[in-house]
Amino acid sequence: MGRRKAMDEVPFSFHVRRAMHYTVKHYKEPLTLDKLTQYLGINKCYFCDLFKKETKKTYSQFLNEVRVENSKRLLLHTNLSILEIALSVGYNNQNYYNMSFKKLTGTTPLKYRNRA
C-alpha cells in the first residue's frame, strides 16, 4: 500500500502512473512493453521516452525493482526455493533473477535469505 501512495504523490503523468499501477498489480505475469503499451493505448517509443524522462529509469529497471522487492518478502518469510521465488515474482529464468537481485541489492538472493 505504501508503494501505491508514494506513486500517487509523485507528479507523474497519467500514462506513467497507469503503467506503474498496472506493473505493481501484474508483476507476477509475463509483462512486455508491447502488452503494456497496448493496455495504455500509446506508442511504445513514446512510452519509453516518457517513462525514462519522468522516472530517470527504464521500464525494465522499474519492473525488476518491483519484482525484486516482492521477492525479498518471500525470501525471508517462506521456505520456497530460489527458483520457485523467481518464478512466482515473474521471472522465467533463475539466473536473470539472481543477476537482477544482485544488481539492485548488492547481494545474491541466497545470501540475503541467510543473513536474516
Protein backbone atom coordinates (compact mmCIF):
# COMPACT_ATOMS: atom_id res chain seq x y z
CA MET A 1 0.00 0.00 0.00
CA GLY A 2 2.88 2.37 0.78
CA ARG A 3 4.22 1.93 -2.74
CA ARG A 4 0.88 2.91 -4.26
CA LYS A 5 0.61 6.01 -2.06
CA ALA A 6 4.14 7.10 -2.98
CA MET A 7 3.36 6.72 -6.70
CA ASP A 8 0.21 8.84 -6.34
CA GLU A 9 2.07 11.63 -4.56
CA VAL A 10 4.78 11.98 -7.20
CA PRO A 11 3.70 14.18 -10.09
CA PHE A 12 3.97 11.58 -12.83
CA SER A 13 1.89 11.87 -15.96
CA PHE A 14 -1.31 9.90 -16.39
CA HIS A 15 0.31 7.22 -18.58
CA VAL A 16 3.33 6.71 -16.32
CA ARG A 17 1.11 6.43 -13.22
CA ARG A 18 -1.15 3.92 -15.01
CA ALA A 19 1.90 1.91 -16.11
CA MET A 20 3.27 1.85 -12.56
CA HIS A 21 -0.06 0.77 -11.06
CA TYR A 22 -0.53 -1.89 -13.74
CA THR A 23 3.00 -3.19 -13.11
CA VAL A 24 2.58 -3.37 -9.34
CA LYS A 25 -0.69 -5.26 -9.83
CA HIS A 26 0.55 -7.62 -12.57
CA TYR A 27 4.30 -8.04 -11.85
CA LYS A 28 3.90 -11.82 -11.49
CA GLU A 29 2.71 -12.12 -15.08
CA PRO A 30 4.83 -12.05 -18.21
CA LEU A 31 4.93 -8.30 -18.91
CA THR A 32 6.19 -6.89 -22.16
CA LEU A 33 6.34 -3.35 -23.45
CA ASP A 34 4.01 -4.38 -26.25
CA LYS A 35 1.42 -5.67 -23.78
CA LEU A 36 1.76 -2.64 -21.53
CA THR A 37 1.59 -0.03 -24.28
CA GLN A 38 -1.37 -1.82 -25.83
CA TYR A 39 -3.10 -1.61 -22.42
CA LEU A 40 -2.22 2.09 -22.21
CA GLY A 41 -3.18 2.71 -25.83
CA ILE A 42 0.01 4.58 -26.68
CA ASN A 43 3.07 4.17 -28.88
CA LYS A 44 5.90 2.07 -27.43
CA CYS A 45 8.67 4.56 -28.30
CA TYR A 46 6.66 7.44 -26.87
CA PHE A 47 6.04 5.50 -23.66
CA CYS A 48 9.71 4.52 -23.25
CA ASP A 49 10.83 8.13 -23.68
CA LEU A 50 8.13 9.42 -21.34
CA PHE A 51 8.83 6.80 -18.64
CA LYS A 52 12.60 7.40 -18.74
CA LYS A 53 12.17 11.19 -18.68
CA GLU A 54 9.83 11.14 -15.68
CA THR A 55 11.32 8.32 -13.58
CA LYS A 56 15.00 8.52 -14.62
CA LYS A 57 14.93 4.76 -15.26
CA THR A 58 13.79 2.41 -17.96
CA TYR A 59 10.56 0.47 -17.67
CA SER A 60 12.61 -2.74 -17.40
CA GLN A 61 14.52 -1.31 -14.45
CA PHE A 62 11.25 -0.38 -12.75
CA LEU A 63 9.77 -3.82 -13.38
CA ASN A 64 12.88 -5.50 -11.95
CA GLU A 65 12.71 -3.28 -8.86
CA VAL A 66 9.08 -4.24 -8.26
CA ARG A 67 9.83 -7.94 -8.72
CA VAL A 68 12.96 -7.93 -6.55
CA GLU A 69 11.22 -6.00 -3.75
CA ASN A 70 8.38 -8.52 -3.74
CA SER A 71 10.84 -11.42 -3.78
CA LYS A 72 12.56 -10.15 -0.61
CA ARG A 73 9.47 -10.89 1.47
CA LEU A 74 9.28 -14.39 0.04
CA LEU A 75 12.96 -15.00 0.74
CA LEU A 76 12.54 -14.01 4.38
CA HIS A 77 9.12 -15.46 5.16
CA THR A 78 8.81 -18.66 3.12
CA ASN A 79 10.77 -21.83 2.52
CA LEU A 80 10.31 -21.63 -1.24
CA SER A 81 13.39 -22.39 -3.30
CA ILE A 82 15.15 -19.55 -5.10
CA LEU A 83 13.78 -20.91 -8.39
CA GLU A 84 10.23 -21.02 -7.01
CA ILE A 85 10.56 -17.44 -5.80
CA ALA A 86 11.97 -16.29 -9.13
CA LEU A 87 9.06 -17.89 -10.97
CA SER A 88 6.46 -16.58 -8.52
CA VAL A 89 7.52 -12.95 -8.99
CA GLY A 90 7.51 -13.10 -12.77
CA TYR A 91 10.99 -14.18 -13.82
CA ASN A 92 11.18 -17.17 -16.14
CA ASN A 93 14.92 -17.59 -15.60
CA GLN A 94 16.61 -18.03 -12.22
CA ASN A 95 19.93 -16.72 -13.49
CA TYR A 96 18.34 -13.45 -14.65
CA TYR A 97 16.57 -13.17 -11.28
CA ASN A 98 19.86 -13.71 -9.43
CA MET A 99 21.59 -11.12 -11.62
CA SER A 100 18.79 -8.57 -11.18
CA PHE A 101 18.63 -9.16 -7.44
CA LYS A 102 22.37 -8.70 -7.01
CA LYS A 103 22.43 -5.58 -9.19
CA LEU A 104 19.69 -3.96 -7.10
CA THR A 105 20.71 -5.14 -3.63
CA GLY A 106 24.43 -5.83 -3.85
CA THR A 107 23.97 -9.42 -2.73
CA THR A 108 22.52 -12.68 -4.01
CA PRO A 109 19.05 -13.94 -3.04
CA LEU A 110 20.60 -16.82 -1.07
CA LYS A 111 22.94 -14.54 0.90
CA TYR A 112 20.03 -12.16 1.54
CA ARG A 113 17.97 -15.03 2.94
CA ASN A 114 20.80 -16.42 5.05
CA ARG A 115 21.68 -13.03 6.50
CA ALA A 116 18.22 -12.61 8.02
